[in-house]
Amino acid sequence: MGAKLERLDYISDMTNASTRRTVIFAGGGTGGHLFPGIAVARELLAREPDARVLFVGSQKPIELDIVGGAGFEHIALPSVSPSLSPARIGSSLLKNWRAYRQARAIMARERPSVVVGLGGFASVPPVLAAWRAGVPIVLLEQNVVPGKATRWLSRFADTICLPWAETAKHLSSRNRVLVTNDLSDAGGPASEKLGAEGTRNLSDTSLQSPGVPNELGSPASFQCCAHSLKQAVPPKNSASRRTTLIVTGNPIRREIAILTSTDSQTGEPGGVSPRTVGANHVRGLTPPGSPTLLILGGSQGATSLNAAVLDALATMPTELTGWRIVHQTGAADLDAIRQRYAALSLAADVQPFFRDMAEQYRRATCVLSRAGATTLAEIACAGLPALLVPLPTSAHDHQRLNARLFADHSAALVAEPASPAADSLRASLVQLLSDHPLRDRLRRNLRALSQPQASGAVVDVLERCRTF
């Protein structure tokens, strides 16, 4: 009864509050969780310049670095990843309880109009505090298979934004409706219907991305989905209580999303082929306009990937002729990787982290990367042919499943884990570097999977949260 009264008091206070609203983004821990939130926050401010945006997460340094670097306010809570270890269970419970209590105080002080859960353990205390205070909750999920936080918090959410319709299969279907653009009525007029299993199908053949099978639920039909939100997402004062699952796509930064409309989609950057460059190539030096291999280990680097890549590159002196290498290593491996490139006499721009990712994508010819969901969304918009190396220890094997979705639609090459890892990488990397027609095919299929309007689709959802 107390919780119900608290929720009613909160709604009453918000009704009488200023029209300037606060939106809290909860969670973090990795760039893969934070960057989608930042993309949505920037789109929100583009539409509502007076809105206040606040990020609430953990005390991991990477959160302050990424969020602060993007110009947003960040509040760090003492939340930690839950542990069942006898030595740590008491400490983790206490820290997360304190994080929850602090999050309750933040909700009381800030009175947000909506809390957006970004995933990761850091999202749990603020989202629970929001639910306790009666604040509308929207969750963002980036992966084909939802993470633990999304699956557990889904019972408290009003809306869950998904990258693909397939993701909904991994969430409980009880009292939920899925909004997608399944074209089961292909060829017929635009229509809206509630499917037999709680799926709202939005059919409009003019909005379907070419080359993408219907079952993907590709979010090309953003306008169609947004048009239906008024019916799909009931106001908070509605007697109907249900969770809406809506396929919005994976939000990415605007400067990367707009790469879908740049000249890079019609050919390779630089306009110089490896064969032409190779005629005048001097080992260790590459001229301007050289084809570029971009190597990404993720926002925090990847020690095992860095080592395997260098082992593979060491066996490819001929194939690398004329190529320039740009390598993001993470801070821990920076010096060691630079030394290895120098020992191999390979020209490489080696940095711990790139803040100008849009420019890096624009200059690159192809990319070797882990298969994090945000990175995949970015390279799809960039139309950048990729060799994906899924992290074998990713939770619920989500990186392998992310990569498989792209590979199944001929949008990427995938190097499966093998021993030794360098041998597995080498064959696929040689194929990617040497086969120009292959890169053209991958680029076309990546464009079909791109979701440049995802941030706007999520903001459409958040705008519904103005109404109580």
Protein backbone atom coordinates (compact mmCIF):
# COMPACT_ATOMS: atom_id res chain seq x y z
CA MET A 1 0.00 0.00 0.00
CA GLY A 2 2.88 2.36 0.87
CA ALA A 3 4.52 1.82 -2.50
CA LYS A 4 1.24 2.57 -4.29
CA LEU A 5 0.78 5.83 -2.37
CA GLU A 6 4.37 6.82 -3.11
CA ARG A 7 3.81 6.26 -6.84
CA LEU A 8 0.62 8.38 -6.75
CA ASP A 9 2.40 11.17 -4.85
CA TYR A 10 5.19 11.14 -7.42
CA ILE A 11 2.75 11.42 -10.32
CA SER A 12 0.96 14.28 -8.57
CA ASP A 13 4.21 16.16 -8.02
CA MET A 14 5.26 15.67 -11.65
CA THR A 15 1.89 16.94 -12.88
CA ASN A 16 2.49 20.24 -11.09
CA ALA A 17 6.21 20.42 -11.98
CA SER A 18 7.91 22.62 -14.56
CA THR A 19 7.72 21.55 -18.19
CA ARG A 20 11.54 21.26 -18.16
CA ARG A 21 12.17 17.63 -17.48
CA THR A 22 15.02 15.43 -16.31
CA VAL A 23 15.87 12.13 -17.99
CA ILE A 24 18.16 9.71 -16.16
CA PHE A 25 20.28 7.16 -18.04
CA ALA A 26 21.13 4.29 -15.71
CA GLY A 27 23.94 1.79 -16.16
CA GLY A 28 27.28 1.48 -17.88
CA GLY A 29 30.46 -0.39 -17.09
CA THR A 30 31.50 -0.66 -20.76
CA GLY A 31 31.44 1.49 -23.85
CA GLY A 32 28.94 -0.93 -25.37
CA HIS A 33 26.40 0.07 -22.73
CA LEU A 34 27.27 3.76 -22.53
CA PHE A 35 27.55 4.79 -26.18
CA PRO A 36 23.92 3.92 -27.06
CA GLY A 37 22.78 5.98 -24.07
CA ILE A 38 24.92 8.91 -25.15
CA ALA A 39 23.50 8.66 -28.67
CA VAL A 40 19.94 8.78 -27.35
CA ALA A 41 20.77 11.60 -24.92
CA ARG A 42 22.13 13.76 -27.73
CA GLU A 43 19.10 13.08 -29.93
CA LEU A 44 16.83 13.95 -27.00
CA LEU A 45 18.62 17.27 -26.44
CA ALA A 46 18.40 18.04 -30.16
CA ARG A 47 14.62 17.84 -29.82
CA GLU A 48 14.31 19.18 -26.28
CA PRO A 49 17.19 21.63 -25.65
CA ASP A 50 15.82 22.48 -22.19
CA ALA A 51 15.81 18.89 -20.95
CA ARG A 52 18.29 17.88 -18.27
CA VAL A 53 20.26 14.65 -18.85
CA LEU A 54 21.90 12.77 -16.00
CA PHE A 55 23.88 9.52 -16.14
CA VAL A 56 23.84 7.33 -13.03
CA GLY A 57 26.20 4.36 -12.99
CA SER A 58 29.05 2.70 -11.15
CA GLN A 59 32.46 3.88 -9.97
CA LYS A 60 34.33 2.30 -12.90
CA PRO A 61 36.78 4.88 -14.30
CA ILE A 62 35.71 4.17 -17.87
CA GLU A 63 32.23 5.54 -17.12
CA LEU A 64 33.50 8.92 -15.97
CA ASP A 65 35.91 9.00 -18.90
CA ILE A 66 33.30 8.24 -21.57
CA VAL A 67 30.35 10.12 -20.07
CA GLY A 68 32.41 13.10 -18.94
CA GLY A 69 34.18 13.17 -22.30
CA ALA A 70 30.77 13.40 -23.98
CA GLY A 71 29.91 16.43 -21.81
CA PHE A 72 27.27 14.84 -19.56
CA GLU A 73 26.92 14.81 -15.79
CA HIS A 74 27.68 11.47 -14.15
CA ILE A 75 26.83 10.24 -10.65
CA ALA A 76 28.76 7.17 -9.49
CA LEU A 77 27.08 4.70 -7.16
CA PRO A 78 28.95 2.00 -5.19
CA SER A 79 27.28 -0.78 -7.19
CA VAL A 80 29.31 -3.87 -8.04
CA SER A 81 28.75 -7.03 -10.01
CA PRO A 82 26.90 -9.54 -7.78
CA SER A 83 29.06 -12.33 -6.38
CA LEU A 84 28.17 -15.68 -4.84
CA SER A 85 31.70 -16.19 -3.56
CA PRO A 86 31.62 -16.73 0.23
CA ALA A 87 34.41 -14.20 0.58
CA ARG A 88 32.60 -11.51 -1.42
CA ILE A 89 28.87 -12.09 -1.17
CA GLY A 90 28.44 -10.01 1.97
CA SER A 91 30.45 -7.11 0.59
CA SER A 92 28.65 -7.09 -2.77
CA LEU A 93 25.23 -7.18 -1.13
CA LEU A 94 26.12 -4.28 1.15
CA LYS A 95 27.53 -2.15 -1.67
CA ASN A 96 24.53 -2.75 -3.91
CA TRP A 97 22.14 -2.00 -1.05
CA ARG A 98 23.93 1.31 -0.51
CA ALA A 99 23.76 1.98 -4.25
CA TYR A 100 20.00 1.37 -4.18
CA ARG A 101 19.50 3.71 -1.22
CA GLN A 102 21.52 6.42 -2.96
CA ALA A 103 19.51 5.87 -6.14
CA ARG A 104 16.29 6.33 -4.13
CA ALA A 105 17.61 9.68 -2.94
CA ILE A 106 18.46 10.68 -6.51
CA MET A 107 14.90 9.87 -7.66
CA ALA A 108 13.44 11.94 -4.84
CA ARG A 109 15.74 14.87 -5.58
CA GLU A 110 15.71 14.88 -9.39
CA ARG A 111 12.11 13.80 -10.07
CA PRO A 112 12.94 12.38 -13.54
CA SER A 113 10.20 11.95 -16.13
CA VAL A 114 11.75 8.65 -17.22
CA VAL A 115 14.70 6.40 -16.37
CA VAL A 116 16.47 4.66 -19.25
CA GLY A 117 18.24 1.42 -18.27
CA LEU A 118 21.36 0.88 -20.39
CA GLY A 119 22.20 -2.62 -19.16
CA GLY A 120 24.95 -4.01 -16.97
CA PHE A 121 24.94 -4.49 -13.20
CA ALA A 122 25.18 -0.71 -12.71
CA SER A 123 21.67 -0.27 -14.12
CA VAL A 124 19.96 -2.41 -11.47
CA PRO A 125 19.93 -0.08 -8.41
CA PRO A 126 18.71 3.03 -10.30
CA VAL A 127 16.04 1.11 -12.25
CA LEU A 128 14.74 -0.54 -9.08
CA ALA A 129 14.68 2.86 -7.37
CA ALA A 130 12.76 4.29 -10.32
CA TRP A 131 10.20 1.50 -10.14
CA ARG A 132 9.77 2.05 -6.39
CA ALA A 133 9.18 5.75 -7.01
CA GLY A 134 6.74 5.16 -9.87
CA VAL A 135 9.02 6.61 -12.56
CA PRO A 136 8.44 5.25 -16.09
CA ILE A 137 11.17 2.80 -17.09
CA VAL A 138 12.55 2.21 -20.59
CA LEU A 139 15.25 -0.42 -21.12
CA LEU A 140 17.73 -0.45 -24.01
CA GLU A 141 19.04 -3.83 -25.11
CA GLN A 142 21.89 -3.97 -27.59
CA ASN A 143 22.49 -7.70 -28.19
CA VAL A 144 20.64 -10.44 -30.02
CA VAL A 145 20.46 -12.26 -26.66
CA PRO A 146 19.49 -9.90 -23.80
CA GLY A 147 21.89 -9.56 -20.90
CA LYS A 148 21.12 -10.59 -17.32
CA ALA A 149 20.21 -7.06 -16.26
CA THR A 150 17.69 -6.60 -19.07
CA ARG A 151 16.09 -10.01 -18.51
CA TRP A 152 15.76 -9.48 -14.77
CA LEU A 153 14.63 -5.84 -14.94
CA SER A 154 12.17 -6.48 -17.79
CA ARG A 155 9.42 -7.27 -15.27
CA PHE A 156 9.59 -3.66 -14.03
CA ALA A 157 9.84 -1.92 -17.41
CA ASP A 158 7.15 -0.08 -19.31
CA THR A 159 8.99 -0.39 -22.62
CA ILE A 160 12.00 -2.39 -23.82
CA CYS A 161 13.77 -1.19 -26.98
CA LEU A 162 15.24 -4.07 -28.97
CA PRO A 163 17.83 -4.24 -31.75
CA TRP A 164 16.04 -7.06 -33.61
CA ALA A 165 12.68 -8.80 -33.35
CA GLU A 166 14.60 -12.03 -32.71
CA THR A 167 15.68 -10.61 -29.34
CA ALA A 168 12.09 -10.78 -28.08
CA LYS A 169 12.26 -14.59 -28.18
CA HIS A 170 14.65 -14.48 -25.23
CA LEU A 171 12.30 -12.45 -23.02
CA SER A 172 9.22 -13.70 -21.22
CA SER A 173 6.11 -13.09 -23.34
CA ARG A 174 3.74 -12.74 -20.40
CA ASN A 175 1.59 -9.58 -20.62
CA ARG A 176 3.75 -8.09 -23.37
CA VAL A 177 3.26 -6.80 -26.90
CA LEU A 178 5.95 -6.64 -29.58
CA VAL A 179 6.00 -3.77 -32.06
CA THR A 180 7.91 -4.68 -35.21
CA ASN A 181 7.78 -4.35 -38.99
CA ASP A 182 7.16 -7.97 -39.91
CA LEU A 183 5.88 -7.89 -43.49
CA SER A 184 3.75 -10.99 -43.36
CA ASP A 185 1.25 -9.17 -45.56
CA ALA A 186 3.90 -8.20 -48.14
CA GLY A 187 2.35 -6.70 -51.22
CA GLY A 188 -0.77 -5.56 -49.45
CA PRO A 189 -1.67 -2.11 -48.15
CA ALA A 190 -0.18 -0.72 -44.95
CA SER A 191 -2.00 -2.21 -42.00
CA GLU A 192 -1.73 -2.76 -38.28
CA LYS A 193 -2.93 -5.83 -36.48
CA LEU A 194 -2.41 -7.57 -33.18
CA GLY A 195 -0.94 -11.00 -33.81
CA ALA A 196 -2.22 -14.16 -32.18
CA GLU A 197 0.80 -14.31 -29.88
CA GLY A 198 0.84 -10.71 -28.77
CA THR A 199 2.80 -9.27 -31.68
CA ARG A 200 1.75 -6.05 -33.34
CA ASN A 201 2.70 -6.40 -37.00
CA LEU A 202 3.23 -3.17 -38.91
CA SER A 203 3.11 -3.90 -42.64
CA ASP A 204 4.37 -1.41 -45.19
CA THR A 205 6.37 -2.79 -48.08
CA SER A 206 7.65 0.67 -48.97
CA LEU A 207 9.59 0.84 -45.71
CA GLN A 208 11.27 -2.57 -45.73
CA SER A 209 15.06 -2.52 -46.04
CA PRO A 210 16.09 -4.26 -49.28
CA GLY A 211 17.75 -7.60 -48.85
CA VAL A 212 16.78 -8.09 -45.22
CA PRO A 213 14.49 -11.04 -44.45
CA ASN A 214 11.28 -10.17 -42.62
CA GLU A 215 12.10 -12.30 -39.60
CA LEU A 216 14.95 -9.99 -38.70
CA GLY A 217 12.46 -7.29 -37.83
CA SER A 218 14.84 -4.73 -39.34
CA PRO A 219 13.95 -1.32 -37.91
CA ALA A 220 13.73 0.36 -41.29
CA SER A 221 10.07 1.06 -40.54
CA PHE A 222 10.83 3.62 -37.85
CA GLN A 223 8.09 5.95 -39.01
CA CYS A 224 5.60 3.11 -38.97
CA CYS A 225 6.65 2.03 -35.48
CA ALA A 226 6.59 5.58 -34.16
CA HIS A 227 3.14 6.15 -35.65
CA SER A 228 1.80 3.22 -33.62
CA LEU A 229 3.35 4.21 -30.31
CA LYS A 230 0.29 6.12 -29.20
CA GLN A 231 -1.61 2.81 -29.21
CA ALA A 232 1.25 0.48 -28.30
CA VAL A 233 2.55 2.40 -25.29
CA PRO A 234 -0.32 3.27 -22.95
CA PRO A 235 -0.10 6.44 -20.82
CA LYS A 236 1.03 5.91 -17.25
CA ASN A 237 -2.41 6.75 -15.91
CA SER A 238 -3.91 4.02 -18.06
CA ALA A 239 -5.49 1.08 -16.29
CA SER A 240 -3.74 -1.21 -18.78
CA ARG A 241 -0.40 -2.44 -17.37
CA ARG A 242 1.80 -4.14 -19.89
CA THR A 243 5.35 -4.03 -21.17
CA THR A 244 5.87 -3.00 -24.78
CA LEU A 245 8.77 -4.53 -26.71
CA ILE A 246 9.58 -2.29 -29.65
CA VAL A 247 12.19 -2.92 -32.34
CA THR A 248 14.02 0.41 -32.58
CA GLY A 249 17.45 -0.78 -33.64
CA ASN A 250 20.68 -0.11 -31.79
CA PRO A 251 21.28 3.61 -31.12
CA ILE A 252 24.64 4.94 -32.28
CA ARG A 253 26.25 8.35 -32.32
CA ARG A 254 24.86 10.73 -34.94
CA GLU A 255 28.25 11.43 -36.51
CA ILE A 256 28.51 7.68 -37.25
CA ALA A 257 24.87 7.19 -38.23
CA ILE A 258 25.18 9.79 -40.99
CA LEU A 259 27.91 7.73 -42.64
CA THR A 260 25.08 5.82 -44.33
CA SER A 261 24.54 8.85 -46.57
CA THR A 262 28.18 9.65 -47.34
CA ASP A 263 30.12 8.81 -50.47
CA SER A 264 31.85 5.95 -48.65
CA GLN A 265 28.89 3.71 -49.33
CA THR A 266 29.58 3.65 -53.07
CA GLY A 267 33.23 2.65 -52.98
CA GLU A 268 36.31 2.21 -50.84
CA PRO A 269 37.78 5.22 -49.00
CA GLY A 270 40.82 6.89 -50.49
CA GLY A 271 40.22 5.75 -54.06
CA VAL A 272 43.56 3.91 -54.19
CA SER A 273 43.75 0.15 -54.55
CA PRO A 274 46.32 -1.99 -52.68
CA ARG A 275 47.67 -3.12 -56.07
CA THR A 276 48.37 0.47 -57.16
CA VAL A 277 49.93 1.45 -53.86
CA GLY A 278 52.01 -1.70 -53.81
CA ALA A 279 53.86 -0.67 -56.94
CA ASN A 280 55.63 2.12 -55.06
CA HIS A 281 55.43 0.67 -51.53
CA VAL A 282 58.40 0.87 -49.18
CA ARG A 283 58.19 -1.49 -46.22
CA GLY A 284 57.23 0.45 -43.10
CA LEU A 285 55.95 3.49 -45.04
CA THR A 286 52.56 3.94 -46.69
CA PRO A 287 51.60 6.99 -48.77
CA PRO A 288 48.47 9.09 -48.24
CA GLY A 289 45.38 7.38 -49.64
CA SER A 290 46.61 3.88 -48.82
CA PRO A 291 43.92 1.27 -48.08
CA THR A 292 43.52 1.02 -44.33
CA LEU A 293 42.90 -1.93 -42.03
CA LEU A 294 41.25 -0.78 -38.81
CA ILE A 295 41.71 -3.11 -35.82
CA LEU A 296 39.41 -2.63 -32.82
CA GLY A 297 39.67 -4.44 -29.50
CA GLY A 298 36.68 -2.73 -27.92
CA SER A 299 36.57 0.35 -25.68
CA GLN A 300 38.71 -1.42 -23.10
CA GLY A 301 41.00 -3.24 -25.53
CA ALA A 302 41.41 -6.99 -25.85
CA THR A 303 44.73 -8.53 -24.86
CA SER A 304 44.14 -11.92 -26.44
CA LEU A 305 42.88 -10.37 -29.69
CA ASN A 306 45.84 -8.00 -29.86
CA ALA A 307 48.29 -10.89 -29.50
CA ALA A 308 46.53 -13.11 -32.06
CA VAL A 309 46.33 -10.31 -34.61
CA LEU A 310 50.05 -9.54 -34.35
CA ASP A 311 50.88 -13.24 -34.67
CA ALA A 312 48.79 -13.38 -37.84
CA LEU A 313 50.17 -10.16 -39.32
CA ALA A 314 53.71 -11.41 -38.78
CA THR A 315 53.04 -14.17 -41.36
CA MET A 316 51.53 -11.80 -43.98
CA PRO A 317 54.30 -9.51 -45.27
CA THR A 318 53.24 -9.90 -48.90
CA GLU A 319 49.50 -9.53 -48.30
CA LEU A 320 50.07 -6.35 -46.25
CA THR A 321 52.02 -4.63 -49.01
CA GLY A 322 50.45 -1.22 -49.56
CA TRP A 323 48.18 -1.40 -46.52
CA ARG A 324 48.12 1.04 -43.64
CA ILE A 325 47.19 -0.31 -40.20
CA VAL A 326 45.28 1.58 -37.49
CA HIS A 327 45.04 -0.36 -34.22
CA GLN A 328 43.09 0.40 -31.03
CA THR A 329 44.75 -1.63 -28.30
CA GLY A 330 43.46 -0.45 -24.96
CA ALA A 331 45.81 1.25 -22.48
CA ALA A 332 47.24 -1.95 -20.97
CA ASP A 333 48.73 -3.27 -24.24
CA LEU A 334 49.76 -0.01 -25.87
CA ASP A 335 53.55 -0.14 -25.39
CA ALA A 336 53.89 -3.87 -26.07
CA ILE A 337 51.90 -3.69 -29.32
CA ARG A 338 53.82 -0.66 -30.56
CA GLN A 339 57.06 -2.52 -29.95
CA ARG A 340 55.84 -5.56 -31.89
CA TYR A 341 54.85 -3.45 -34.90
CA ALA A 342 58.26 -1.80 -34.84
CA ALA A 343 59.98 -5.19 -34.70
CA LEU A 344 57.95 -6.31 -37.74
CA SER A 345 58.72 -3.05 -39.61
CA LEU A 346 54.99 -2.52 -40.18
CA ALA A 347 53.59 1.00 -40.46
CA ALA A 348 50.80 1.30 -37.88
CA ASP A 349 48.99 4.03 -35.99
CA VAL A 350 48.62 2.40 -32.56
CA GLN A 351 46.46 4.16 -29.98
CA PRO A 352 44.83 3.07 -26.70
CA PHE A 353 41.45 4.52 -27.63
CA PHE A 354 39.96 6.56 -30.46
CA ARG A 355 37.51 9.36 -29.68
CA ASP A 356 37.05 10.23 -33.36
CA MET A 357 35.51 6.92 -34.39
CA ALA A 358 33.45 8.47 -37.18
CA GLU A 359 36.64 9.71 -38.82
CA GLN A 360 38.37 6.36 -38.30
CA TYR A 361 35.46 4.55 -39.95
CA ARG A 362 35.41 7.06 -42.80
CA ARG A 363 39.09 6.51 -43.58
CA ALA A 364 39.09 2.73 -43.19
CA THR A 365 38.81 0.20 -45.99
CA CYS A 366 37.90 -2.74 -43.75
CA VAL A 367 37.90 -3.61 -40.06
CA LEU A 368 38.89 -6.47 -37.76
CA SER A 369 36.88 -6.32 -34.56
CA ARG A 370 35.19 -8.05 -31.67
CA ALA A 371 31.44 -8.54 -32.14
CA GLY A 372 29.98 -6.19 -29.58
CA ALA A 373 26.52 -5.00 -30.58
CA THR A 374 27.32 -1.30 -30.66
CA THR A 375 30.40 -1.83 -32.81
CA LEU A 376 28.36 -3.94 -35.24
CA ALA A 377 25.70 -1.23 -35.48
CA GLU A 378 28.42 1.33 -36.20
CA ILE A 379 30.21 -0.65 -38.90
CA ALA A 380 26.85 -1.38 -40.56
CA CYS A 381 26.15 2.33 -40.88
CA ALA A 382 29.72 2.90 -42.07
CA GLY A 383 29.34 0.09 -44.60
CA LEU A 384 32.73 -1.20 -43.50
CA PRO A 385 33.58 -4.80 -44.54
CA ALA A 386 34.52 -6.68 -41.40
CA LEU A 387 36.24 -9.73 -40.01
CA LEU A 388 34.58 -10.41 -36.66
CA VAL A 389 36.34 -12.24 -33.84
CA PRO A 390 33.72 -12.88 -31.12
CA LEU A 391 34.90 -12.75 -27.52
CA PRO A 392 34.68 -16.43 -26.46
CA THR A 393 33.99 -15.51 -22.82
CA SER A 394 31.14 -13.08 -23.50
CA ALA A 395 28.07 -13.62 -21.33
CA HIS A 396 25.61 -16.12 -22.81
CA ASP A 397 27.92 -16.26 -25.86
CA HIS A 398 26.22 -13.08 -27.06
CA GLN A 399 29.10 -11.90 -29.24
CA ARG A 400 29.11 -15.11 -31.26
CA LEU A 401 25.34 -14.80 -31.75
CA ASN A 402 25.69 -11.15 -32.76
CA ALA A 403 28.35 -12.12 -35.30
CA ARG A 404 26.32 -15.05 -36.59
CA LEU A 405 23.38 -12.77 -37.41
CA PHE A 406 25.63 -10.67 -39.64
CA ALA A 407 27.36 -13.68 -41.16
CA ASP A 408 24.04 -15.37 -41.93
CA HIS A 409 23.15 -12.36 -44.08
CA SER A 410 26.54 -12.24 -45.82
CA ALA A 411 27.39 -8.97 -44.09
CA ALA A 412 30.64 -10.05 -42.36
CA LEU A 413 33.30 -12.72 -42.15
CA VAL A 414 33.63 -14.50 -38.80
CA ALA A 415 36.77 -16.12 -37.41
CA GLU A 416 35.64 -18.80 -35.00
CA PRO A 417 37.88 -19.63 -32.02
CA ALA A 418 40.64 -22.04 -32.98
CA SER A 419 44.04 -23.17 -31.78
CA PRO A 420 46.33 -21.51 -32.59
CA ALA A 421 44.21 -18.36 -32.93
CA ALA A 422 46.60 -16.75 -35.43
CA ASP A 423 46.01 -19.53 -37.98
CA SER A 424 42.25 -19.01 -37.81
CA LEU A 425 42.65 -15.26 -38.25
CA ARG A 426 45.18 -15.43 -41.05
CA ALA A 427 43.04 -17.23 -43.63
CA SER A 428 40.05 -14.94 -43.16
CA LEU A 429 42.18 -11.81 -43.01
CA VAL A 430 43.99 -12.66 -46.26
CA GLN A 431 40.61 -13.19 -47.90
CA LEU A 432 39.31 -9.83 -46.66
CA LEU A 433 42.40 -7.88 -47.73
CA SER A 434 42.82 -9.47 -51.16
CA ASP A 435 39.25 -9.92 -52.43
CA HIS A 436 37.87 -6.58 -53.60
CA PRO A 437 34.56 -8.00 -54.97
CA LEU A 438 34.01 -9.70 -51.60
CA ARG A 439 34.40 -6.38 -49.81
CA ASP A 440 31.89 -4.80 -52.19
CA ARG A 441 29.33 -7.53 -51.43
CA LEU A 442 29.85 -7.23 -47.69
CA ARG A 443 29.45 -3.47 -47.92
CA ARG A 444 26.12 -3.71 -49.75
CA ASN A 445 24.74 -6.24 -47.28
CA LEU A 446 25.92 -4.20 -44.29
CA ARG A 447 24.00 -1.21 -45.59
CA ALA A 448 20.85 -3.34 -45.66
CA LEU A 449 21.33 -4.09 -41.95
CA SER A 450 22.14 -0.50 -40.95
CA GLN A 451 19.85 1.28 -38.47
CA PRO A 452 20.75 4.98 -38.70
CA GLN A 453 17.47 6.22 -37.19
CA ALA A 454 17.58 4.06 -34.05
CA SER A 455 18.34 6.95 -31.69
CA GLY A 456 15.35 8.86 -32.99
CA ALA A 457 13.12 5.82 -32.61
CA VAL A 458 14.11 5.51 -28.93
CA VAL A 459 13.48 9.22 -28.35
CA ASP A 460 10.00 8.72 -29.85
CA VAL A 461 9.43 6.24 -27.02
CA LEU A 462 10.76 8.65 -24.41
CA GLU A 463 8.47 11.41 -25.63
CA ARG A 464 5.51 9.22 -24.73
CA CYS A 465 6.75 9.27 -21.16
CA ARG A 466 5.80 12.92 -20.80
CA THR A 467 2.19 11.85 -20.29
CA PHE A 468 1.16 10.47 -16.88
